[in-house]
Amino acid sequence: VQLQASGGGLVQPGGSLKLSCVDSRRTFSNNAVGWFRQAPGKEREFVSHIGWRGTTRDYADSVKGRFTISRDNSKNTVYLQMNNLQPEDTAVYYCAVHRSSLGSRRNGDYRYWGQGTQVTVSS
């Protein structure tokens, strides 16, 4: 599995970004995929995950109602639509492939990690 996260950037508070996570080796279609983030000086934290069928989703309370996760298995891609971004959303965002098809919030349950994409929310 080789994951490539992209779509980060600089955005003003209230703005939107859409992150993409592409599996270039086309192997994650049977696995859940998650997004995590890590801000400077903080531990990596769970953001969202989606089951392999795309029918089960979970979100951290801090992003619920603002972020939407989705996937297109035909394109081997998972997306994270982020709306109403706030300065506290500033972090490096990572995608990761879970060991199972269902997903979880625990870092250790994820087998493969992408390299991360920087999201900066600032006026």
N, C-alpha and C. Protein backbone atom coordinates (compact mmCIF):
# COMPACT_ATOMS: atom_id res chain seq x y z
N VAL A 1 0.84 -1.18 0.00
CA VAL A 1 0.00 0.00 0.00
C VAL A 1 0.88 1.24 0.00
N GLN A 2 0.58 2.15 -0.88
CA GLN A 2 1.29 3.43 -0.88
C GLN A 2 0.25 4.53 -0.91
N LEU A 3 0.17 5.30 0.17
CA LEU A 3 -0.86 6.31 0.31
C LEU A 3 -0.29 7.69 0.03
N GLN A 4 -1.07 8.47 -0.70
CA GLN A 4 -0.67 9.83 -1.03
C GLN A 4 -1.79 10.77 -0.61
N ALA A 5 -1.53 11.59 0.40
CA ALA A 5 -2.51 12.57 0.84
C ALA A 5 -2.21 13.91 0.19
N SER A 6 -3.26 14.61 -0.21
CA SER A 6 -3.09 15.91 -0.85
C SER A 6 -4.31 16.78 -0.58
N GLY A 7 -4.21 18.04 -0.98
CA GLY A 7 -5.34 18.95 -0.85
C GLY A 7 -5.22 19.96 0.26
N GLY A 8 -4.17 19.86 1.05
CA GLY A 8 -3.97 20.83 2.12
C GLY A 8 -3.60 22.20 1.58
N GLY A 9 -3.55 23.15 2.49
CA GLY A 9 -3.18 24.50 2.08
C GLY A 9 -3.51 25.50 3.17
N LEU A 10 -3.43 26.77 2.78
CA LEU A 10 -3.73 27.87 3.69
C LEU A 10 -5.14 28.38 3.37
N VAL A 11 -5.95 28.50 4.39
CA VAL A 11 -7.32 28.97 4.19
C VAL A 11 -7.71 29.87 5.36
N GLN A 12 -8.60 30.81 5.10
CA GLN A 12 -9.07 31.70 6.15
C GLN A 12 -10.13 31.01 7.01
N PRO A 13 -10.29 31.45 8.24
CA PRO A 13 -11.36 30.88 9.08
C PRO A 13 -12.71 30.96 8.37
N GLY A 14 -13.45 29.87 8.46
CA GLY A 14 -14.72 29.77 7.76
C GLY A 14 -14.62 29.17 6.38
N GLY A 15 -13.41 29.00 5.91
CA GLY A 15 -13.20 28.46 4.58
C GLY A 15 -13.30 26.95 4.52
N SER A 16 -13.06 26.41 3.33
CA SER A 16 -13.18 24.97 3.10
C SER A 16 -11.97 24.43 2.35
N LEU A 17 -11.70 23.18 2.58
CA LEU A 17 -10.70 22.43 1.84
C LEU A 17 -11.21 21.00 1.66
N LYS A 18 -10.75 20.34 0.62
CA LYS A 18 -11.07 18.93 0.41
C LYS A 18 -9.78 18.15 0.28
N LEU A 19 -9.54 17.25 1.21
CA LEU A 19 -8.36 16.41 1.18
C LEU A 19 -8.66 15.13 0.42
N SER A 20 -7.63 14.61 -0.23
CA SER A 20 -7.74 13.33 -0.93
C SER A 20 -6.65 12.40 -0.45
N CYS A 21 -6.96 11.14 -0.41
CA CYS A 21 -5.99 10.10 -0.06
C CYS A 21 -6.09 9.02 -1.12
N VAL A 22 -5.03 8.88 -1.90
CA VAL A 22 -5.02 7.93 -3.00
C VAL A 22 -4.12 6.75 -2.66
N ASP A 23 -4.63 5.57 -2.89
CA ASP A 23 -3.84 4.36 -2.72
C ASP A 23 -3.32 3.95 -4.08
N SER A 24 -2.09 4.24 -4.34
CA SER A 24 -1.55 4.02 -5.69
C SER A 24 -1.38 2.55 -6.03
N ARG A 25 -1.40 1.70 -5.03
CA ARG A 25 -1.24 0.26 -5.29
C ARG A 25 -2.58 -0.47 -5.24
N ARG A 26 -3.64 0.29 -5.09
CA ARG A 26 -4.99 -0.25 -5.26
C ARG A 26 -5.29 -1.45 -4.38
N THR A 27 -4.98 -1.28 -3.09
CA THR A 27 -5.19 -2.42 -2.21
C THR A 27 -6.10 -2.13 -1.03
N PHE A 28 -6.60 -0.88 -0.89
CA PHE A 28 -7.35 -0.62 0.33
C PHE A 28 -8.85 -0.72 0.18
N SER A 29 -9.33 -1.28 -0.93
CA SER A 29 -10.77 -1.30 -1.16
C SER A 29 -11.51 -2.19 -0.16
N ASN A 30 -10.85 -3.11 0.51
CA ASN A 30 -11.51 -3.97 1.48
C ASN A 30 -11.28 -3.52 2.92
N ASN A 31 -10.66 -2.37 3.08
CA ASN A 31 -10.31 -1.91 4.42
C ASN A 31 -10.92 -0.54 4.71
N ALA A 32 -11.16 -0.32 6.00
CA ALA A 32 -11.55 1.02 6.42
C ALA A 32 -10.35 1.95 6.28
N VAL A 33 -10.64 3.21 6.10
CA VAL A 33 -9.59 4.23 6.00
C VAL A 33 -9.93 5.36 6.97
N GLY A 34 -8.91 5.86 7.61
CA GLY A 34 -9.12 6.93 8.57
C GLY A 34 -8.28 8.15 8.26
N TRP A 35 -8.73 9.28 8.82
CA TRP A 35 -7.96 10.51 8.79
C TRP A 35 -7.60 10.87 10.24
N PHE A 36 -6.37 11.26 10.43
CA PHE A 36 -5.87 11.73 11.71
C PHE A 36 -5.19 13.07 11.47
N ARG A 37 -4.92 13.79 12.54
CA ARG A 37 -4.20 15.04 12.40
C ARG A 37 -3.28 15.23 13.60
N GLN A 38 -2.23 16.00 13.35
CA GLN A 38 -1.27 16.29 14.41
C GLN A 38 -0.86 17.74 14.32
N ALA A 39 -1.17 18.47 15.37
CA ALA A 39 -0.78 19.87 15.46
C ALA A 39 0.58 19.96 16.15
N PRO A 40 1.31 21.04 15.94
CA PRO A 40 2.64 21.19 16.58
C PRO A 40 2.55 21.03 18.09
N GLY A 41 3.40 20.18 18.63
CA GLY A 41 3.45 19.99 20.06
C GLY A 41 2.34 19.14 20.65
N LYS A 42 1.52 18.59 19.79
CA LYS A 42 0.40 17.76 20.27
C LYS A 42 0.50 16.35 19.70
N GLU A 43 -0.22 15.45 20.34
CA GLU A 43 -0.26 14.08 19.85
C GLU A 43 -1.17 13.98 18.63
N ARG A 44 -0.92 12.96 17.84
CA ARG A 44 -1.78 12.70 16.69
C ARG A 44 -3.17 12.32 17.21
N GLU A 45 -4.19 12.87 16.60
CA GLU A 45 -5.56 12.60 17.06
C GLU A 45 -6.45 12.14 15.92
N PHE A 46 -7.43 11.35 16.28
CA PHE A 46 -8.40 10.84 15.33
C PHE A 46 -9.29 11.97 14.81
N VAL A 47 -9.59 11.92 13.52
CA VAL A 47 -10.51 12.88 12.92
C VAL A 47 -11.77 12.18 12.41
N SER A 48 -11.57 11.15 11.57
CA SER A 48 -12.72 10.47 10.98
C SER A 48 -12.28 9.14 10.39
N HIS A 49 -13.22 8.21 10.26
CA HIS A 49 -12.92 7.01 9.49
C HIS A 49 -14.17 6.57 8.73
N ILE A 50 -13.93 5.76 7.71
CA ILE A 50 -15.02 5.26 6.87
C ILE A 50 -14.79 3.78 6.59
N GLY A 51 -15.84 2.98 6.69
CA GLY A 51 -15.74 1.57 6.41
C GLY A 51 -15.55 1.30 4.93
N TRP A 52 -15.19 0.08 4.59
CA TRP A 52 -14.81 -0.18 3.20
C TRP A 52 -15.99 -0.05 2.25
N ARG A 53 -17.20 -0.26 2.73
CA ARG A 53 -18.36 -0.10 1.86
C ARG A 53 -18.78 1.37 1.75
N GLY A 54 -18.25 2.18 2.63
CA GLY A 54 -18.62 3.59 2.62
C GLY A 54 -19.89 3.89 3.38
N THR A 55 -20.47 2.88 4.04
CA THR A 55 -21.74 3.07 4.73
C THR A 55 -21.58 3.35 6.22
N THR A 56 -20.43 3.09 6.76
CA THR A 56 -20.19 3.39 8.18
C THR A 56 -19.15 4.50 8.27
N ARG A 57 -19.46 5.49 9.06
CA ARG A 57 -18.57 6.63 9.25
C ARG A 57 -18.54 7.02 10.72
N ASP A 58 -17.44 7.60 11.10
CA ASP A 58 -17.31 8.08 12.48
C ASP A 58 -16.51 9.37 12.45
N TYR A 59 -16.85 10.28 13.35
CA TYR A 59 -16.18 11.57 13.39
C TYR A 59 -15.83 11.93 14.84
N ALA A 60 -14.72 12.59 15.00
CA ALA A 60 -14.41 13.19 16.29
C ALA A 60 -15.43 14.28 16.58
N ASP A 61 -15.74 14.48 17.84
CA ASP A 61 -16.72 15.50 18.21
C ASP A 61 -16.32 16.89 17.70
N SER A 62 -15.02 17.13 17.66
CA SER A 62 -14.52 18.46 17.29
C SER A 62 -14.78 18.81 15.82
N VAL A 63 -15.05 17.80 14.99
CA VAL A 63 -15.25 18.07 13.56
C VAL A 63 -16.64 17.67 13.09
N LYS A 64 -17.42 17.04 13.95
CA LYS A 64 -18.75 16.57 13.56
C LYS A 64 -19.60 17.75 13.10
N GLY A 65 -20.26 17.56 11.97
CA GLY A 65 -21.09 18.61 11.41
C GLY A 65 -20.35 19.56 10.50
N ARG A 66 -19.03 19.50 10.50
CA ARG A 66 -18.22 20.37 9.63
C ARG A 66 -17.45 19.57 8.59
N PHE A 67 -17.02 18.36 8.95
CA PHE A 67 -16.22 17.52 8.06
C PHE A 67 -17.08 16.36 7.56
N THR A 68 -16.82 15.94 6.31
CA THR A 68 -17.50 14.80 5.74
C THR A 68 -16.48 13.90 5.06
N ILE A 69 -16.50 12.64 5.44
CA ILE A 69 -15.60 11.66 4.82
C ILE A 69 -16.37 10.86 3.79
N SER A 70 -15.70 10.52 2.70
CA SER A 70 -16.33 9.72 1.66
C SER A 70 -15.23 8.93 0.94
N ARG A 71 -15.64 7.98 0.13
CA ARG A 71 -14.65 7.19 -0.61
C ARG A 71 -15.22 6.77 -1.95
N ASP A 72 -14.31 6.60 -2.89
CA ASP A 72 -14.64 6.08 -4.21
C ASP A 72 -13.68 4.94 -4.47
N ASN A 73 -14.13 3.73 -4.22
CA ASN A 73 -13.24 2.58 -4.35
C ASN A 73 -12.82 2.35 -5.80
N SER A 74 -13.62 2.79 -6.75
CA SER A 74 -13.23 2.63 -8.15
C SER A 74 -12.02 3.49 -8.48
N LYS A 75 -11.80 4.53 -7.68
CA LYS A 75 -10.65 5.41 -7.87
C LYS A 75 -9.62 5.23 -6.77
N ASN A 76 -9.86 4.27 -5.89
CA ASN A 76 -8.92 4.01 -4.79
C ASN A 76 -8.62 5.30 -4.01
N THR A 77 -9.65 6.05 -3.74
CA THR A 77 -9.48 7.36 -3.12
C THR A 77 -10.48 7.56 -1.99
N VAL A 78 -10.00 8.15 -0.92
CA VAL A 78 -10.84 8.57 0.20
C VAL A 78 -10.70 10.08 0.32
N TYR A 79 -11.82 10.75 0.60
CA TYR A 79 -11.86 12.20 0.67
C TYR A 79 -12.24 12.65 2.07
N LEU A 80 -11.81 13.86 2.38
CA LEU A 80 -12.25 14.52 3.61
C LEU A 80 -12.62 15.96 3.24
N GLN A 81 -13.91 16.22 3.16
CA GLN A 81 -14.39 17.57 2.90
C GLN A 81 -14.45 18.31 4.23
N MET A 82 -13.75 19.42 4.30
CA MET A 82 -13.67 20.19 5.54
C MET A 82 -14.27 21.57 5.33
N ASN A 83 -15.35 21.84 6.02
CA ASN A 83 -16.02 23.13 5.91
C ASN A 83 -15.92 23.90 7.22
N ASN A 84 -16.15 25.19 7.14
CA ASN A 84 -16.11 26.06 8.32
C ASN A 84 -14.84 25.80 9.14
N LEU A 85 -13.72 25.82 8.46
CA LEU A 85 -12.45 25.56 9.14
C LEU A 85 -12.12 26.66 10.13
N GLN A 86 -11.51 26.24 11.22
CA GLN A 86 -11.15 27.15 12.29
C GLN A 86 -9.65 27.03 12.59
N PRO A 87 -9.05 28.03 13.22
CA PRO A 87 -7.62 27.96 13.51
C PRO A 87 -7.22 26.70 14.27
N GLU A 88 -8.09 26.17 15.09
CA GLU A 88 -7.75 24.96 15.84
C GLU A 88 -7.71 23.71 14.97
N ASP A 89 -8.13 23.84 13.72
CA ASP A 89 -8.02 22.73 12.77
C ASP A 89 -6.64 22.67 12.11
N THR A 90 -5.82 23.66 12.37
CA THR A 90 -4.48 23.69 11.80
C THR A 90 -3.68 22.49 12.28
N ALA A 91 -3.15 21.72 11.33
CA ALA A 91 -2.41 20.50 11.66
C ALA A 91 -1.93 19.86 10.37
N VAL A 92 -1.08 18.87 10.52
CA VAL A 92 -0.77 17.98 9.41
C VAL A 92 -1.80 16.85 9.45
N TYR A 93 -2.45 16.62 8.32
CA TYR A 93 -3.48 15.61 8.23
C TYR A 93 -2.93 14.36 7.54
N TYR A 94 -3.18 13.22 8.15
CA TYR A 94 -2.70 11.95 7.64
C TYR A 94 -3.87 11.02 7.34
N CYS A 95 -3.74 10.26 6.27
CA CYS A 95 -4.68 9.18 6.04
C CYS A 95 -3.99 7.86 6.37
N ALA A 96 -4.80 6.87 6.69
CA ALA A 96 -4.24 5.59 7.10
C ALA A 96 -5.23 4.48 6.79
N VAL A 97 -4.69 3.31 6.50
CA VAL A 97 -5.51 2.14 6.18
C VAL A 97 -5.64 1.26 7.43
N HIS A 98 -6.86 0.93 7.75
CA HIS A 98 -7.14 0.12 8.94
C HIS A 98 -6.86 -1.36 8.66
N ARG A 99 -6.69 -2.08 9.75
CA ARG A 99 -6.45 -3.52 9.64
C ARG A 99 -7.71 -4.29 9.25
N SER A 100 -8.88 -3.70 9.42
CA SER A 100 -10.12 -4.39 9.11
C SER A 100 -11.00 -3.52 8.21
N SER A 101 -12.17 -4.02 7.93
CA SER A 101 -13.10 -3.32 7.05
C SER A 101 -13.95 -2.29 7.79
N LEU A 102 -13.90 -2.30 9.13
CA LEU A 102 -14.84 -1.47 9.89
C LEU A 102 -14.26 -0.15 10.39
N GLY A 103 -13.01 -0.15 10.78
CA GLY A 103 -12.41 1.08 11.27
C GLY A 103 -12.53 1.26 12.77
N SER A 104 -11.73 2.17 13.31
CA SER A 104 -11.75 2.48 14.73
C SER A 104 -11.06 3.82 14.94
N ARG A 105 -11.01 4.27 16.19
CA ARG A 105 -10.36 5.55 16.50
C ARG A 105 -8.93 5.38 16.99
N ARG A 106 -8.47 4.19 17.09
CA ARG A 106 -7.15 3.95 17.69
C ARG A 106 -6.04 3.95 16.63
N ASN A 107 -5.01 4.76 16.87
CA ASN A 107 -3.87 4.82 15.93
C ASN A 107 -3.29 3.44 15.64
N GLY A 108 -3.16 2.65 16.68
CA GLY A 108 -2.49 1.36 16.55
C GLY A 108 -3.22 0.35 15.70
N ASP A 109 -4.49 0.63 15.39
CA ASP A 109 -5.28 -0.28 14.56
C ASP A 109 -5.05 -0.05 13.07
N TYR A 110 -4.28 0.95 12.74
CA TYR A 110 -4.05 1.30 11.34
C TYR A 110 -2.68 0.79 10.90
N ARG A 111 -2.68 0.13 9.75
CA ARG A 111 -1.47 -0.54 9.28
C ARG A 111 -0.56 0.37 8.47
N TYR A 112 -1.15 1.14 7.59
CA TYR A 112 -0.34 1.93 6.65
C TYR A 112 -0.74 3.40 6.77
N TRP A 113 0.27 4.25 6.67
CA TRP A 113 0.06 5.68 6.82
C TRP A 113 0.61 6.42 5.62
N GLY A 114 -0.10 7.48 5.21
CA GLY A 114 0.41 8.38 4.18
C GLY A 114 1.36 9.38 4.80
N GLN A 115 1.91 10.24 3.96
CA GLN A 115 2.96 11.15 4.39
C GLN A 115 2.42 12.43 5.03
N GLY A 116 1.14 12.72 4.91
CA GLY A 116 0.57 13.90 5.53
C GLY A 116 0.50 15.09 4.60
N THR A 117 -0.50 15.93 4.84
CA THR A 117 -0.65 17.17 4.10
C THR A 117 -0.99 18.28 5.09
N GLN A 118 -0.34 19.43 4.93
CA GLN A 118 -0.47 20.52 5.90
C GLN A 118 -1.74 21.32 5.63
N VAL A 119 -2.50 21.53 6.69
CA VAL A 119 -3.67 22.42 6.64
C VAL A 119 -3.42 23.55 7.64
N THR A 120 -3.47 24.77 7.14
CA THR A 120 -3.27 25.94 7.98
C THR A 120 -4.48 26.86 7.84
N VAL A 121 -5.09 27.17 8.98
CA VAL A 121 -6.26 28.05 9.00
C VAL A 121 -5.86 29.32 9.72
N SER A 122 -5.81 30.40 8.98
CA SER A 122 -5.34 31.65 9.55
C SER A 122 -5.86 32.82 8.72
N SER A 123 -6.11 33.93 9.41
CA SER A 123 -6.52 35.15 8.70
C SER A 123 -5.31 36.01 8.39
